[in-house]
C-alpha atoms as a PDB file:
ATOM      1  CA  MET A   1       0.198  -0.029  -0.058  1.00  0.00           C
ATOM      2  CA  PRO A   2       1.662   3.451  -0.598  1.00  0.00           C
ATOM      3  CA  ALA A   3       2.601   6.017   2.180  1.00  0.00           C
ATOM      4  CA  ALA A   4       0.868   8.912   1.943  1.00  0.00           C
ATOM      5  CA  PRO A   5       2.686  11.844   3.507  1.00  0.00           C
ATOM      6  CA  THR A   6       2.567  13.157   6.648  1.00  0.00           C
ATOM      7  CA  PRO A   7       0.808  15.869   8.340  1.00  0.00           C
ATOM      8  CA  ALA A   8       4.635  17.368   9.326  1.00  0.00           C
ATOM      9  CA  GLU A   9       5.782  16.739   5.652  1.00  0.00           C
ATOM     10  CA  ILE A  10       2.438  18.302   3.801  1.00  0.00           C
ATOM     11  CA  ALA A  11       3.327  21.236   6.423  1.00  0.00           C
ATOM     12  CA  ALA A  12       7.281  21.660   5.374  1.00  0.00           C
ATOM     13  CA  ALA A  13       5.913  21.558   1.943  1.00  0.00           C
ATOM     14  CA  ARG A  14       3.489  24.169   1.966  1.00  0.00           C
ATOM     15  CA  ALA A  15       5.804  26.124   3.958  1.00  0.00           C
ATOM     16  CA  ALA A  16       8.051  26.114   1.174  1.00  0.00           C
ATOM     17  CA  LEU A  17       5.091  26.650  -1.301  1.00  0.00           C
ATOM     18  CA  ALA A  18       4.245  30.028   0.367  1.00  0.00           C
ATOM     19  CA  LEU A  19       8.077  31.313   0.264  1.00  0.00           C
ATOM     20  CA  LEU A  20       8.806  29.765  -3.562  1.00  0.00           C
ATOM     21  CA  ASP A  21       5.713  31.088  -5.049  1.00  0.00           C
ATOM     22  CA  PRO A  22       3.804  34.167  -2.638  1.00  0.00           C
ATOM     23  CA  ALA A  23       1.052  34.268  -5.478  1.00  0.00           C
ATOM     24  CA  LEU A  24       0.196  31.021  -3.181  1.00  0.00           C
ATOM     25  CA  GLY A  25       1.140  33.067   0.076  1.00  0.00           C
ATOM     26  CA  ARG A  26      -2.571  33.621   0.425  1.00  0.00           C
ATOM     27  CA  ALA A  27      -4.239  30.316  -0.526  1.00  0.00           C
ATOM     28  CA  HIS A  28      -1.718  28.417   2.319  1.00  0.00           C
ATOM     29  CA  ALA A  29      -2.854  31.887   4.951  1.00  0.00           C
ATOM     30  CA  GLN A  30      -6.802  30.837   4.318  1.00  0.00           C
ATOM     31  CA  VAL A  31      -6.587  26.532   4.183  1.00  0.00           C
ATOM     32  CA  PRO A  32      -6.461  24.646   7.397  1.00  0.00           C
ATOM     33  CA  ASP A  33      -4.328  21.789   7.396  1.00  0.00           C
ATOM     34  CA  PHE A  34      -5.305  19.318   5.465  1.00  0.00           C
ATOM     35  CA  GLU A  35      -5.327  15.886   5.553  1.00  0.00           C
ATOM     36  CA  TRP A  36      -3.774  13.748   1.735  1.00  0.00           C
ATOM     37  CA  ARG A  37      -6.746  11.776   0.979  1.00  0.00           C
ATOM     38  CA  LEU A  38      -5.404   8.641  -0.200  1.00  0.00           C
ATOM     39  CA  ARG A  39      -7.508   5.668  -1.871  1.00  0.00           C
ATOM     40  CA  THR A  40      -6.623   2.180  -3.054  1.00  0.00           C
ATOM     41  CA  GLY A  41      -4.210   1.967  -5.078  1.00  0.00           C
ATOM     42  CA  GLY A  42      -3.617  -0.847  -8.066  1.00  0.00           C
ATOM     43  CA  PHE A  43      -6.420  -1.676 -10.546  1.00  0.00           C
ATOM     44  CA  GLU A  44      -8.756  -1.643  -7.871  1.00  0.00           C
ATOM     45  CA  GLY A  45      -8.049   2.370  -7.026  1.00  0.00           C
ATOM     46  CA  LEU A  46      -8.319   2.786 -11.159  1.00  0.00           C
ATOM     47  CA  PHE A  47     -10.833   1.089 -11.468  1.00  0.00           C
ATOM     48  CA  ARG A  48     -12.938   2.393  -8.878  1.00  0.00           C
ATOM     49  CA  MET A  49     -12.189   6.196 -10.057  1.00  0.00           C
ATOM     50  CA  ILE A  50     -13.302   5.554 -13.963  1.00  0.00           C
ATOM     51  CA  VAL A  51     -16.987   4.184 -12.304  1.00  0.00           C
ATOM     52  CA  GLU A  52     -17.284   7.284 -10.174  1.00  0.00           C
ATOM     53  CA  GLN A  53     -16.397  10.329 -12.389  1.00  0.00           C
ATOM     54  CA  GLN A  54     -19.207  11.910 -13.584  1.00  0.00           C
ATOM     55  CA  VAL A  55     -21.587  11.072 -11.380  1.00  0.00           C
ATOM     56  CA  SER A  56     -22.966  12.472  -8.205  1.00  0.00           C
ATOM     57  CA  VAL A  57     -21.020  11.431  -4.612  1.00  0.00           C
ATOM     58  CA  ALA A  58     -24.238   9.128  -3.785  1.00  0.00           C
ATOM     59  CA  ALA A  59     -24.242   7.507  -6.904  1.00  0.00           C
ATOM     60  CA  ALA A  60     -20.746   6.546  -6.613  1.00  0.00           C
ATOM     61  CA  ALA A  61     -20.874   5.369  -3.726  1.00  0.00           C
ATOM     62  CA  ALA A  62     -24.066   3.143  -4.403  1.00  0.00           C
ATOM     63  CA  ILE A  63     -22.680   2.344  -8.059  1.00  0.00           C
ATOM     64  CA  TRP A  64     -19.436   1.122  -6.169  1.00  0.00           C
ATOM     65  CA  ARG A  65     -21.322  -0.820  -3.621  1.00  0.00           C
ATOM     66  CA  ARG A  66     -23.209  -2.574  -6.432  1.00  0.00           C
ATOM     67  CA  VAL A  67     -20.077  -3.419  -8.402  1.00  0.00           C
ATOM     68  CA  VAL A  68     -18.111  -4.858  -5.355  1.00  0.00           C
ATOM     69  CA  GLU A  69     -21.368  -7.036  -4.706  1.00  0.00           C
ATOM     70  CA  GLY A  70     -21.220  -8.270  -8.221  1.00  0.00           C
ATOM     71  CA  LEU A  71     -17.472  -9.399  -7.818  1.00  0.00           C
ATOM     72  CA  ASP A  72     -18.237 -11.171  -4.568  1.00  0.00           C
ATOM     73  CA  SER A  73     -15.662  -8.221  -3.042  1.00  0.00           C
ATOM     74  CA  GLU A  74     -13.179  -9.605  -5.767  1.00  0.00           C
ATOM     75  CA  ILE A  75     -11.631  -6.269  -7.256  1.00  0.00           C
ATOM     76  CA  THR A  76      -9.332  -8.045  -9.877  1.00  0.00           C
ATOM     77  CA  PRO A  77      -8.438  -7.840 -13.579  1.00  0.00           C
ATOM     78  CA  ALA A  78      -9.787 -11.765 -13.449  1.00  0.00           C
ATOM     79  CA  SER A  79     -13.186 -10.999 -11.602  1.00  0.00           C
ATOM     80  CA  VAL A  80     -13.549  -7.862 -14.500  1.00  0.00           C
ATOM     81  CA  LEU A  81     -12.707  -9.910 -17.309  1.00  0.00           C
ATOM     82  CA  ALA A  82     -14.807 -12.973 -16.269  1.00  0.00           C
ATOM     83  CA  ARG A  83     -18.492 -10.402 -16.491  1.00  0.00           C
ATOM     84  CA  ASP A  84     -19.015  -9.572 -19.950  1.00  0.00           C
ATOM     85  CA  VAL A  85     -19.743  -6.057 -20.843  1.00  0.00           C
ATOM     86  CA  GLU A  86     -23.575  -6.495 -20.587  1.00  0.00           C
ATOM     87  CA  ALA A  87     -22.515  -8.372 -17.226  1.00  0.00           C
ATOM     88  CA  LEU A  88     -20.645  -5.401 -15.885  1.00  0.00           C
ATOM     89  CA  ARG A  89     -24.022  -2.967 -16.890  1.00  0.00           C
ATOM     90  CA  GLY A  90     -25.813  -4.906 -14.746  1.00  0.00           C
ATOM     91  CA  LEU A  91     -23.975  -3.843 -12.069  1.00  0.00           C
ATOM     92  CA  GLY A  92     -24.866   0.149 -12.823  1.00  0.00           C
ATOM     93  CA  LEU A  93     -22.578   0.697 -14.905  1.00  0.00           C
ATOM     94  CA  SER A  94     -22.781   1.953 -18.254  1.00  0.00           C
ATOM     95  CA  GLY A  95     -21.904   0.539 -21.539  1.00  0.00           C
ATOM     96  CA  GLN A  96     -18.452   2.844 -22.432  1.00  0.00           C
ATOM     97  CA  LYS A  97     -17.676   2.196 -18.530  1.00  0.00           C
ATOM     98  CA  ALA A  98     -18.002  -0.759 -18.888  1.00  0.00           C
ATOM     99  CA  ARG A  99     -16.111  -1.314 -21.902  1.00  0.00           C
ATOM    100  CA  TYR A 100     -13.437   0.570 -19.866  1.00  0.00           C
ATOM    101  CA  ALA A 101     -13.193  -1.569 -17.263  1.00  0.00           C
ATOM    102  CA  HIS A 102     -12.459  -4.108 -19.618  1.00  0.00           C
ATOM    103  CA  GLU A 103      -9.711  -2.269 -21.559  1.00  0.00           C
ATOM    104  CA  ILE A 104      -7.969  -1.541 -17.951  1.00  0.00           C
ATOM    105  CA  ALA A 105      -7.986  -5.270 -16.545  1.00  0.00           C
ATOM    106  CA  ARG A 106      -6.876  -6.703 -19.927  1.00  0.00           C
ATOM    107  CA  ALA A 107      -3.309  -3.889 -20.190  1.00  0.00           C
ATOM    108  CA  HIS A 108      -3.011  -5.721 -17.112  1.00  0.00           C
ATOM    109  CA  VAL A 109      -3.328  -8.753 -17.476  1.00  0.00           C
ATOM    110  CA  GLU A 110      -1.821  -8.574 -21.341  1.00  0.00           C
ATOM    111  CA  GLY A 111       1.445  -6.823 -20.116  1.00  0.00           C
ATOM    112  CA  ASP A 112       0.981  -3.024 -21.007  1.00  0.00           C
ATOM    113  CA  ILE A 113       1.022  -2.028 -17.045  1.00  0.00           C
ATOM    114  CA  ASP A 114       1.319  -3.581 -13.963  1.00  0.00           C
ATOM    115  CA  PHE A 115      -0.370  -2.194 -11.500  1.00  0.00           C
ATOM    116  CA  ASP A 116       1.166  -4.376  -8.727  1.00  0.00           C
ATOM    117  CA  HIS A 117       4.694  -2.897  -9.309  1.00  0.00           C
ATOM    118  CA  LEU A 118       3.831   1.334 -10.752  1.00  0.00           C
ATOM    119  CA  GLU A 119       5.573   2.846  -8.330  1.00  0.00           C
ATOM    120  CA  GLN A 120       8.614   1.971 -10.021  1.00  0.00           C
ATOM    121  CA  LEU A 121       8.583   3.295 -12.918  1.00  0.00           C
ATOM    122  CA  ASP A 122       8.674   7.717 -12.333  1.00  0.00           C
ATOM    123  CA  ASP A 123       5.909  10.143 -12.972  1.00  0.00           C
ATOM    124  CA  ALA A 124       5.968  10.496 -16.668  1.00  0.00           C
ATOM    125  CA  GLU A 125       6.353   7.219 -17.904  1.00  0.00           C
ATOM    126  CA  ALA A 126       3.621   6.090 -15.324  1.00  0.00           C
ATOM    127  CA  VAL A 127       1.175   8.986 -16.756  1.00  0.00           C
ATOM    128  CA  ALA A 128       1.987   7.276 -19.771  1.00  0.00           C
ATOM    129  CA  ARG A 129       1.288   3.652 -19.489  1.00  0.00           C
ATOM    130  CA  LEU A 130      -2.038   4.221 -18.123  1.00  0.00           C
ATOM    131  CA  THR A 131      -3.631   7.311 -20.624  1.00  0.00           C
ATOM    132  CA  ALA A 132      -2.430   4.539 -23.308  1.00  0.00           C
ATOM    133  CA  ILE A 133      -5.066   2.564 -21.934  1.00  0.00           C
ATOM    134  CA  LYS A 134      -8.461   3.871 -23.905  1.00  0.00           C
ATOM    135  CA  GLY A 135     -10.703   5.726 -21.701  1.00  0.00           C
ATOM    136  CA  VAL A 136      -8.103   6.857 -19.552  1.00  0.00           C
ATOM    137  CA  GLY A 137      -7.295  11.026 -19.884  1.00  0.00           C
ATOM    138  CA  ARG A 138      -4.391  12.580 -18.516  1.00  0.00           C
ATOM    139  CA  TRP A 139      -6.559  13.673 -15.879  1.00  0.00           C
ATOM    140  CA  THR A 140      -7.711  10.253 -14.408  1.00  0.00           C
ATOM    141  CA  ALA A 141      -4.161   8.967 -14.737  1.00  0.00           C
ATOM    142  CA  GLU A 142      -2.288  12.337 -12.312  1.00  0.00           C
ATOM    143  CA  THR A 143      -5.445  12.505  -9.913  1.00  0.00           C
ATOM    144  CA  PHE A 144      -4.792   8.574  -9.505  1.00  0.00           C
ATOM    145  CA  LEU A 145      -1.100   8.823  -8.932  1.00  0.00           C
ATOM    146  CA  MET A 146      -2.243  11.470  -6.270  1.00  0.00           C
ATOM    147  CA  PHE A 147      -4.693  10.026  -4.284  1.00  0.00           C
ATOM    148  CA  CYS A 148      -3.976   6.423  -5.034  1.00  0.00           C
ATOM    149  CA  GLU A 149      -0.013   6.199  -4.632  1.00  0.00           C
ATOM    150  CA  GLY A 150       0.776   9.196  -2.702  1.00  0.00           C
ATOM    151  CA  ARG A 151       2.828  10.629  -5.308  1.00  0.00           C
ATOM    152  CA  THR A 152       3.281  14.434  -4.975  1.00  0.00           C
ATOM    153  CA  ASP A 153       4.788  15.886  -7.627  1.00  0.00           C
ATOM    154  CA  VAL A 154       1.972  15.900  -9.976  1.00  0.00           C
ATOM    155  CA  PHE A 155      -0.432  18.082 -10.863  1.00  0.00           C
ATOM    156  CA  PRO A 156      -3.534  18.111 -12.973  1.00  0.00           C
ATOM    157  CA  ALA A 157      -3.333  21.027 -14.986  1.00  0.00           C
ATOM    158  CA  GLY A 158      -6.390  19.726 -17.195  1.00  0.00           C
ATOM    159  CA  ASP A 159      -8.932  20.525 -13.645  1.00  0.00           C
ATOM    160  CA  ILE A 160     -11.462  23.637 -14.287  1.00  0.00           C
ATOM    161  CA  ALA A 161     -11.670  23.713 -10.090  1.00  0.00           C
ATOM    162  CA  LEU A 162      -7.421  24.562  -9.896  1.00  0.00           C
ATOM    163  CA  GLN A 163      -7.338  26.660 -12.543  1.00  0.00           C
ATOM    164  CA  GLU A 164      -9.731  28.403 -11.445  1.00  0.00           C
ATOM    165  CA  ALA A 165      -8.197  29.268  -8.069  1.00  0.00           C
ATOM    166  CA  MET A 166      -4.883  29.888  -9.791  1.00  0.00           C
ATOM    167  CA  ARG A 167      -6.701  32.874 -11.556  1.00  0.00           C
ATOM    168  CA  TRP A 168      -7.502  34.330  -8.050  1.00  0.00           C
ATOM    169  CA  ALA A 169      -3.896  33.546  -6.965  1.00  0.00           C
ATOM    170  CA  ASP A 170      -2.707  35.035  -9.782  1.00  0.00           C
ATOM    171  CA  GLY A 171      -5.001  38.046  -9.853  1.00  0.00           C
ATOM    172  CA  ALA A 172      -5.357  37.015 -13.363  1.00  0.00           C
ATOM    173  CA  ALA A 173      -8.824  37.791 -15.307  1.00  0.00           C
ATOM    174  CA  LEU A 174      -8.677  34.677 -17.322  1.00  0.00           C
ATOM    175  CA  ARG A 175      -8.332  31.206 -16.120  1.00  0.00           C
ATOM    176  CA  PRO A 176      -5.075  29.575 -17.681  1.00  0.00           C
ATOM    177  CA  ARG A 177      -5.550  26.863 -20.298  1.00  0.00           C
ATOM    178  CA  GLU A 178      -4.282  23.934 -19.245  1.00  0.00           C
ATOM    179  CA  LYS A 179      -1.456  24.126 -21.168  1.00  0.00           C
ATOM    180  CA  GLU A 180      -0.421  27.432 -19.334  1.00  0.00           C
ATOM    181  CA  ALA A 181      -1.049  25.959 -16.079  1.00  0.00           C
ATOM    182  CA  TYR A 182       1.062  22.691 -16.737  1.00  0.00           C
ATOM    183  CA  LEU A 183       3.927  25.959 -17.420  1.00  0.00           C
ATOM    184  CA  ARG A 184       2.913  27.264 -14.256  1.00  0.00           C
ATOM    185  CA  SER A 185       3.024  24.629 -11.823  1.00  0.00           C
ATOM    186  CA  GLU A 186       7.120  24.419 -12.850  1.00  0.00           C
ATOM    187  CA  ARG A 187       7.484  26.579 -10.777  1.00  0.00           C
ATOM    188  CA  TRP A 188       5.877  24.214  -7.620  1.00  0.00           C
ATOM    189  CA  LYS A 189       8.321  21.307  -7.873  1.00  0.00           C
ATOM    190  CA  PRO A 190       8.397  19.349  -6.395  1.00  0.00           C
ATOM    191  CA  HIS A 191       5.866  19.782  -4.391  1.00  0.00           C
ATOM    192  CA  ARG A 192       2.978  20.454  -7.057  1.00  0.00           C
ATOM    193  CA  SER A 193       0.496  17.951  -5.622  1.00  0.00           C
ATOM    194  CA  VAL A 194       0.602  19.824  -2.512  1.00  0.00           C
ATOM    195  CA  ALA A 195       0.053  23.121  -4.534  1.00  0.00           C
ATOM    196  CA  ALA A 196      -2.806  20.872  -6.268  1.00  0.00           C
ATOM    197  CA  HIS A 197      -4.393  20.117  -2.538  1.00  0.00           C
ATOM    198  CA  LEU A 198      -3.941  23.358  -1.125  1.00  0.00           C
ATOM    199  CA  LEU A 199      -5.555  25.098  -4.670  1.00  0.00           C
ATOM    200  CA  TRP A 200      -8.474  22.646  -3.963  1.00  0.00           C
ATOM    201  CA  GLY A 201      -9.226  23.570  -0.423  1.00  0.00           C
ATOM    202  CA  TRP A 202      -8.502  27.169  -0.746  1.00  0.00           C
ATOM    203  CA  TYR A 203     -11.265  26.478  -3.858  1.00  0.00           C
ATOM    204  CA  GLY A 204     -13.623  24.805  -1.571  1.00  0.00           C
ATOM    205  CA  ALA A 205     -13.409  27.950   0.928  1.00  0.00           C
ATOM    206  CA  VAL A 206     -14.162  30.178  -1.191  1.00  0.00           C
ATOM    207  CA  LYS A 207     -17.735  28.226  -3.033  1.00  0.00           C
ATOM    208  CA  ARG A 208     -18.578  27.536   0.550  1.00  0.00           C
ATOM    209  CA  GLY A 209     -18.535  30.814   1.807  1.00  0.00           C
ATOM    210  CA  GLU A 210     -15.163  30.408   4.337  1.00  0.00           C
ATOM    211  CA  VAL A 211     -12.919  32.484   2.420  1.00  0.00           C
ATOM    212  CA  VAL A 212     -13.725  35.922   0.572  1.00  0.00           C
ATOM    213  CA  LEU A 213     -11.798  36.833  -2.304  1.00  0.00           C
ATOM    214  CA  GLU A 214     -10.947  40.659  -2.767  1.00  0.00           C
ATOM    215  CA  ASP A 215      -9.803  42.554  -5.346  1.00  0.00           C
ATOM    216  CA  LEU A 216      -9.771  40.398  -7.654  1.00  0.00           C
ATOM    217  CA  PRO A 217     -10.920  40.325 -11.710  1.00  0.00           C
ATOM    218  CA  ALA A 218     -14.890  39.382 -11.906  1.00  0.00           C
END
């Protein structure tokens, strides 16, 4: 099981980021301490991320329960491949997600990716292997590496919430596009995942009304 950064490591990274880039200073000052949201990794972790995408939190939890029960609590490539697409659809998956589940399972079985030893690959190679699987986009690959492997220098720049928080941090009129956000995040190495957590925390606090933004372009 991958290890998440400790609270002390997160705190040190946040302090380093605030010194490294004053634009993150306000976010750092307004976001309380947070823990790393580490999820189950490996094949199960990626499969679950695909299952839960584009549905509400409640719906995602309900569908995942049905999947676990339908697979007899054995969430493995073999158990998924043992059910055809229609059987997986019967567990609440869309046809597309059922096909993607097969693609992910087949990639592992055929040796295109080894979920049991993915941690041996560096971040760029891991993203490349993951996105080579049909149905796994770059955002999914990067968030998987952050949340399911505890990697601390990955930045999912295609995330709209992150882009909006970056706009606030920089006092910009427009959100950065994905390519611009990637370039902007280079300054935050080797703590880009902590920067992402910090910006997500700030975004959430603003949206909940806990933090008020002032003197920013509309």
